[in-house]
Amino acid sequence: MVRKWFQGDRDLKILPTFWQIYKGDFLKANLLGLIIVVIGAILLISISTYLLPYSTGLALFYSC
């Protein structure tokens, strides 16, 4: 809002402008969060499947 005021756009409706900006930023932030969670899940699954045979609990089954 303040940015638009400094740009010279003084006749703004505060609440509709706020909600429009809020909705756009909310969707962007959640999309970024979803991407980070998916990458984290892929890394977690990859690392856990790589380290699973070398864990002490399952080493007994692989040594036979």
PDB file of N, CA and C in Angstrom:
ATOM      1  N   MET A   1       0.816  -1.180   0.000  1.00  0.00           N
ATOM      2  CA  MET A   1       0.000   0.000   0.000  1.00  0.00           C
ATOM      3  C   MET A   1       0.866   1.252   0.000  1.00  0.00           C
ATOM      4  N   VAL A   2       1.846   1.270   0.888  1.00  0.00           N
ATOM      5  CA  VAL A   2       2.715   2.443   0.985  1.00  0.00           C
ATOM      6  C   VAL A   2       3.502   2.620  -0.302  1.00  0.00           C
ATOM      7  N   ARG A   3       3.897   1.503  -0.899  1.00  0.00           N
ATOM      8  CA  ARG A   3       4.629   1.571  -2.161  1.00  0.00           C
ATOM      9  C   ARG A   3       3.782   2.242  -3.236  1.00  0.00           C
ATOM     10  N   LYS A   4       2.516   1.860  -3.301  1.00  0.00           N
ATOM     11  CA  LYS A   4       1.636   2.479  -4.295  1.00  0.00           C
ATOM     12  C   LYS A   4       1.421   3.954  -3.987  1.00  0.00           C
ATOM     13  N   TRP A   5       1.370   4.329  -2.718  1.00  0.00           N
ATOM     14  CA  TRP A   5       1.231   5.736  -2.358  1.00  0.00           C
ATOM     15  C   TRP A   5       2.450   6.530  -2.818  1.00  0.00           C
ATOM     16  N   PHE A   6       3.644   5.943  -2.637  1.00  0.00           N
ATOM     17  CA  PHE A   6       4.864   6.632  -3.067  1.00  0.00           C
ATOM     18  C   PHE A   6       4.949   6.735  -4.583  1.00  0.00           C
ATOM     19  N   GLN A   7       4.328   5.808  -5.282  1.00  0.00           N
ATOM     20  CA  GLN A   7       4.309   5.860  -6.743  1.00  0.00           C
ATOM     21  C   GLN A   7       3.310   6.885  -7.251  1.00  0.00           C
ATOM     22  N   GLY A   8       2.540   7.493  -6.364  1.00  0.00           N
ATOM     23  CA  GLY A   8       1.624   8.546  -6.759  1.00  0.00           C
ATOM     24  C   GLY A   8       0.179   8.114  -6.873  1.00  0.00           C
ATOM     25  N   ASP A   9      -0.101   6.869  -6.580  1.00  0.00           N
ATOM     26  CA  ASP A   9      -1.469   6.360  -6.661  1.00  0.00           C
ATOM     27  C   ASP A   9      -2.139   6.556  -5.298  1.00  0.00           C
ATOM     28  N   ARG A  10      -2.659   7.738  -5.059  1.00  0.00           N
ATOM     29  CA  ARG A  10      -3.203   8.101  -3.742  1.00  0.00           C
ATOM     30  C   ARG A  10      -4.651   7.670  -3.547  1.00  0.00           C
ATOM     31  N   ASP A  11      -5.399   7.483  -4.602  1.00  0.00           N
ATOM     32  CA  ASP A  11      -6.820   7.156  -4.486  1.00  0.00           C
ATOM     33  C   ASP A  11      -7.021   5.648  -4.574  1.00  0.00           C
ATOM     34  N   LEU A  12      -6.647   4.954  -3.516  1.00  0.00           N
ATOM     35  CA  LEU A  12      -6.789   3.501  -3.468  1.00  0.00           C
ATOM     36  C   LEU A  12      -7.819   3.116  -2.423  1.00  0.00           C
ATOM     37  N   LYS A  13      -8.507   2.042  -2.681  1.00  0.00           N
ATOM     38  CA  LYS A  13      -9.328   1.439  -1.653  1.00  0.00           C
ATOM     39  C   LYS A  13      -8.426   0.467  -0.902  1.00  0.00           C
ATOM     40  N   ILE A  14      -8.283   0.692   0.386  1.00  0.00           N
ATOM     41  CA  ILE A  14      -7.272  -0.019   1.160  1.00  0.00           C
ATOM     42  C   ILE A  14      -7.575  -1.513   1.257  1.00  0.00           C
ATOM     43  N   LEU A  15      -8.757  -1.877   1.693  1.00  0.00           N
ATOM     44  CA  LEU A  15      -9.059  -3.287   1.926  1.00  0.00           C
ATOM     45  C   LEU A  15      -9.050  -4.127   0.648  1.00  0.00           C
ATOM     46  N   PRO A  16      -9.697  -3.713  -0.449  1.00  0.00           N
ATOM     47  CA  PRO A  16      -9.627  -4.535  -1.670  1.00  0.00           C
ATOM     48  C   PRO A  16      -8.206  -4.672  -2.222  1.00  0.00           C
ATOM     49  N   THR A  17      -7.433  -3.608  -2.144  1.00  0.00           N
ATOM     50  CA  THR A  17      -6.050  -3.679  -2.621  1.00  0.00           C
ATOM     51  C   THR A  17      -5.225  -4.618  -1.756  1.00  0.00           C
ATOM     52  N   PHE A  18      -5.430  -4.538  -0.447  1.00  0.00           N
ATOM     53  CA  PHE A  18      -4.714  -5.427   0.476  1.00  0.00           C
ATOM     54  C   PHE A  18      -5.037  -6.886   0.187  1.00  0.00           C
ATOM     55  N   TRP A  19      -6.318  -7.217   0.043  1.00  0.00           N
ATOM     56  CA  TRP A  19      -6.708  -8.610  -0.189  1.00  0.00           C
ATOM     57  C   TRP A  19      -6.182  -9.121  -1.526  1.00  0.00           C
ATOM     58  N   GLN A  20      -6.146  -8.274  -2.526  1.00  0.00           N
ATOM     59  CA  GLN A  20      -5.624  -8.689  -3.829  1.00  0.00           C
ATOM     60  C   GLN A  20      -4.138  -9.031  -3.722  1.00  0.00           C
ATOM     61  N   ILE A  21      -3.378  -8.191  -3.069  1.00  0.00           N
ATOM     62  CA  ILE A  21      -1.945  -8.440  -2.900  1.00  0.00           C
ATOM     63  C   ILE A  21      -1.709  -9.638  -1.991  1.00  0.00           C
ATOM     64  N   TYR A  22      -2.518  -9.746  -0.925  1.00  0.00           N
ATOM     65  CA  TYR A  22      -2.377 -10.853   0.027  1.00  0.00           C
ATOM     66  C   TYR A  22      -2.623 -12.193  -0.655  1.00  0.00           C
ATOM     67  N   LYS A  23      -3.668 -12.293  -1.455  1.00  0.00           N
ATOM     68  CA  LYS A  23      -3.985 -13.546  -2.150  1.00  0.00           C
ATOM     69  C   LYS A  23      -2.860 -13.953  -3.095  1.00  0.00           C
ATOM     70  N   GLY A  24      -2.341 -13.004  -3.839  1.00  0.00           N
ATOM     71  CA  GLY A  24      -1.257 -13.316  -4.771  1.00  0.00           C
ATOM     72  C   GLY A  24      -0.001 -13.786  -4.064  1.00  0.00           C
ATOM     73  N   ASP A  25       0.368 -13.100  -2.995  1.00  0.00           N
ATOM     74  CA  ASP A  25       1.564 -13.498  -2.256  1.00  0.00           C
ATOM     75  C   ASP A  25       1.350 -14.799  -1.492  1.00  0.00           C
ATOM     76  N   PHE A  26       0.135 -15.040  -1.019  1.00  0.00           N
ATOM     77  CA  PHE A  26      -0.176 -16.276  -0.305  1.00  0.00           C
ATOM     78  C   PHE A  26       0.001 -17.480  -1.225  1.00  0.00           C
ATOM     79  N   LEU A  27      -0.490 -17.378  -2.444  1.00  0.00           N
ATOM     80  CA  LEU A  27      -0.347 -18.482  -3.387  1.00  0.00           C
ATOM     81  C   LEU A  27       1.110 -18.709  -3.769  1.00  0.00           C
ATOM     82  N   LYS A  28       1.852 -17.636  -3.961  1.00  0.00           N
ATOM     83  CA  LYS A  28       3.274 -17.771  -4.290  1.00  0.00           C
ATOM     84  C   LYS A  28       4.039 -18.442  -3.155  1.00  0.00           C
ATOM     85  N   ALA A  29       3.768 -18.025  -1.931  1.00  0.00           N
ATOM     86  CA  ALA A  29       4.473 -18.586  -0.778  1.00  0.00           C
ATOM     87  C   ALA A  29       4.127 -20.055  -0.589  1.00  0.00           C
ATOM     88  N   ASN A  30       2.864 -20.423  -0.761  1.00  0.00           N
ATOM     89  CA  ASN A  30       2.487 -21.821  -0.597  1.00  0.00           C
ATOM     90  C   ASN A  30       3.035 -22.694  -1.715  1.00  0.00           C
ATOM     91  N   LEU A  31       3.132 -22.164  -2.901  1.00  0.00           N
ATOM     92  CA  LEU A  31       3.732 -22.918  -3.997  1.00  0.00           C
ATOM     93  C   LEU A  31       5.210 -23.166  -3.712  1.00  0.00           C
ATOM     94  N   LEU A  32       5.894 -22.152  -3.236  1.00  0.00           N
ATOM     95  CA  LEU A  32       7.299 -22.320  -2.879  1.00  0.00           C
ATOM     96  C   LEU A  32       7.447 -23.331  -1.748  1.00  0.00           C
ATOM     97  N   GLY A  33       6.578 -23.267  -0.757  1.00  0.00           N
ATOM     98  CA  GLY A  33       6.613 -24.221   0.341  1.00  0.00           C
ATOM     99  C   GLY A  33       6.366 -25.646  -0.129  1.00  0.00           C
ATOM    100  N   LEU A  34       5.440 -25.815  -1.053  1.00  0.00           N
ATOM    101  CA  LEU A  34       5.156 -27.146  -1.594  1.00  0.00           C
ATOM    102  C   LEU A  34       6.370 -27.699  -2.338  1.00  0.00           C
ATOM    103  N   ILE A  35       7.026 -26.858  -3.110  1.00  0.00           N
ATOM    104  CA  ILE A  35       8.222 -27.293  -3.841  1.00  0.00           C
ATOM    105  C   ILE A  35       9.311 -27.715  -2.861  1.00  0.00           C
ATOM    106  N   ILE A  36       9.508 -26.952  -1.801  1.00  0.00           N
ATOM    107  CA  ILE A  36      10.533 -27.285  -0.808  1.00  0.00           C
ATOM    108  C   ILE A  36      10.198 -28.591  -0.101  1.00  0.00           C
ATOM    109  N   VAL A  37       8.938 -28.818   0.229  1.00  0.00           N
ATOM    110  CA  VAL A  37       8.530 -30.057   0.893  1.00  0.00           C
ATOM    111  C   VAL A  37       8.736 -31.258  -0.018  1.00  0.00           C
ATOM    112  N   VAL A  38       8.409 -31.122  -1.294  1.00  0.00           N
ATOM    113  CA  VAL A  38       8.594 -32.228  -2.237  1.00  0.00           C
ATOM    114  C   VAL A  38      10.076 -32.561  -2.388  1.00  0.00           C
ATOM    115  N   ILE A  39      10.916 -31.551  -2.525  1.00  0.00           N
ATOM    116  CA  ILE A  39      12.358 -31.790  -2.632  1.00  0.00           C
ATOM    117  C   ILE A  39      12.883 -32.443  -1.356  1.00  0.00           C
ATOM    118  N   GLY A  40      12.425 -31.970  -0.206  1.00  0.00           N
ATOM    119  CA  GLY A  40      12.843 -32.564   1.070  1.00  0.00           C
ATOM    120  C   GLY A  40      12.404 -34.004   1.194  1.00  0.00           C
ATOM    121  N   ALA A  41      11.180 -34.318   0.760  1.00  0.00           N
ATOM    122  CA  ALA A  41      10.693 -35.697   0.829  1.00  0.00           C
ATOM    123  C   ALA A  41      11.501 -36.605  -0.089  1.00  0.00           C
ATOM    124  N   ILE A  42      11.824 -36.121  -1.289  1.00  0.00           N
ATOM    125  CA  ILE A  42      12.638 -36.920  -2.211  1.00  0.00           C
ATOM    126  C   ILE A  42      14.012 -37.178  -1.620  1.00  0.00           C
ATOM    127  N   LEU A  43      14.612 -36.151  -1.028  1.00  0.00           N
ATOM    128  CA  LEU A  43      15.921 -36.342  -0.407  1.00  0.00           C
ATOM    129  C   LEU A  43      15.844 -37.297   0.779  1.00  0.00           C
ATOM    130  N   LEU A  44      14.814 -37.172   1.588  1.00  0.00           N
ATOM    131  CA  LEU A  44      14.654 -38.045   2.747  1.00  0.00           C
ATOM    132  C   LEU A  44      14.490 -39.497   2.320  1.00  0.00           C
ATOM    133  N   ILE A  45      13.679 -39.740   1.325  1.00  0.00           N
ATOM    134  CA  ILE A  45      13.473 -41.109   0.843  1.00  0.00           C
ATOM    135  C   ILE A  45      14.748 -41.648   0.216  1.00  0.00           C
ATOM    136  N   SER A  46      15.450 -40.823  -0.549  1.00  0.00           N
ATOM    137  CA  SER A  46      16.682 -41.272  -1.197  1.00  0.00           C
ATOM    138  C   SER A  46      17.749 -41.622  -0.159  1.00  0.00           C
ATOM    139  N   ILE A  47      17.929 -40.756   0.803  1.00  0.00           N
ATOM    140  CA  ILE A  47      18.961 -40.996   1.823  1.00  0.00           C
ATOM    141  C   ILE A  47      18.591 -42.187   2.704  1.00  0.00           C
ATOM    142  N   SER A  48      17.308 -42.293   3.069  1.00  0.00           N
ATOM    143  CA  SER A  48      16.926 -43.403   3.946  1.00  0.00           C
ATOM    144  C   SER A  48      17.013 -44.744   3.222  1.00  0.00           C
ATOM    145  N   THR A  49      16.699 -44.805   1.933  1.00  0.00           N
ATOM    146  CA  THR A  49      16.837 -46.072   1.208  1.00  0.00           C
ATOM    147  C   THR A  49      18.301 -46.398   0.940  1.00  0.00           C
ATOM    148  N   TYR A  50      19.140 -45.386   0.852  1.00  0.00           N
ATOM    149  CA  TYR A  50      20.568 -45.636   0.666  1.00  0.00           C
ATOM    150  C   TYR A  50      21.195 -46.154   1.953  1.00  0.00           C
ATOM    151  N   LEU A  51      20.789 -45.600   3.080  1.00  0.00           N
ATOM    152  CA  LEU A  51      21.385 -45.971   4.362  1.00  0.00           C
ATOM    153  C   LEU A  51      20.695 -47.153   5.030  1.00  0.00           C
ATOM    154  N   LEU A  52      19.527 -47.547   4.564  1.00  0.00           N
ATOM    155  CA  LEU A  52      18.771 -48.609   5.205  1.00  0.00           C
ATOM    156  C   LEU A  52      19.530 -49.929   5.297  1.00  0.00           C
ATOM    157  N   PRO A  53      20.176 -50.420   4.252  1.00  0.00           N
ATOM    158  CA  PRO A  53      20.895 -51.695   4.380  1.00  0.00           C
ATOM    159  C   PRO A  53      22.089 -51.610   5.329  1.00  0.00           C
ATOM    160  N   TYR A  54      22.613 -50.416   5.572  1.00  0.00           N
ATOM    161  CA  TYR A  54      23.785 -50.267   6.412  1.00  0.00           C
ATOM    162  C   TYR A  54      23.446 -49.977   7.866  1.00  0.00           C
ATOM    163  N   SER A  55      22.171 -49.915   8.191  1.00  0.00           N
ATOM    164  CA  SER A  55      21.812 -49.668   9.581  1.00  0.00           C
ATOM    165  C   SER A  55      22.076 -50.925  10.398  1.00  0.00           C
ATOM    166  N   THR A  56      22.270 -50.772  11.686  1.00  0.00           N
ATOM    167  CA  THR A  56      22.654 -51.897  12.534  1.00  0.00           C
ATOM    168  C   THR A  56      21.522 -52.915  12.687  1.00  0.00           C
ATOM    169  N   GLY A  57      20.288 -52.468  12.660  1.00  0.00           N
ATOM    170  CA  GLY A  57      19.171 -53.382  12.844  1.00  0.00           C
ATOM    171  C   GLY A  57      18.996 -54.344  11.689  1.00  0.00           C
ATOM    172  N   LEU A  58      19.208 -53.896  10.493  1.00  0.00           N
ATOM    173  CA  LEU A  58      19.014 -54.741   9.319  1.00  0.00           C
ATOM    174  C   LEU A  58      20.300 -55.385   8.813  1.00  0.00           C
ATOM    175  N   ALA A  59      21.412 -55.071   9.412  1.00  0.00           N
ATOM    176  CA  ALA A  59      22.684 -55.649   8.974  1.00  0.00           C
ATOM    177  C   ALA A  59      22.711 -57.146   9.205  1.00  0.00           C
ATOM    178  N   LEU A  60      21.979 -57.629  10.187  1.00  0.00           N
ATOM    179  CA  LEU A  60      21.945 -59.064  10.459  1.00  0.00           C
ATOM    180  C   LEU A  60      21.281 -59.829   9.307  1.00  0.00           C
ATOM    181  N   PHE A  61      20.281 -59.238   8.702  1.00  0.00           N
ATOM    182  CA  PHE A  61      19.580 -59.912   7.617  1.00  0.00           C
ATOM    183  C   PHE A  61      20.394 -59.921   6.331  1.00  0.00           C
ATOM    184  N   TYR A  62      21.215 -58.905   6.133  1.00  0.00           N
ATOM    185  CA  TYR A  62      22.004 -58.830   4.894  1.00  0.00           C
ATOM    186  C   TYR A  62      23.311 -59.605   4.985  1.00  0.00           C
ATOM    187  N   SER A  63      23.731 -59.987   6.175  1.00  0.00           N
ATOM    188  CA  SER A  63      25.008 -60.686   6.305  1.00  0.00           C
ATOM    189  C   SER A  63      24.876 -62.166   6.022  1.00  0.00           C
ATOM    190  N   CYS A  64      23.661 -62.719   5.960  1.00  0.00           N
ATOM    191  CA  CYS A  64      23.463 -64.160   5.735  1.00  0.00           C
ATOM    192  C   CYS A  64      23.657 -64.552   4.309  1.00  0.00           C
TER     193      CYS A  64
END
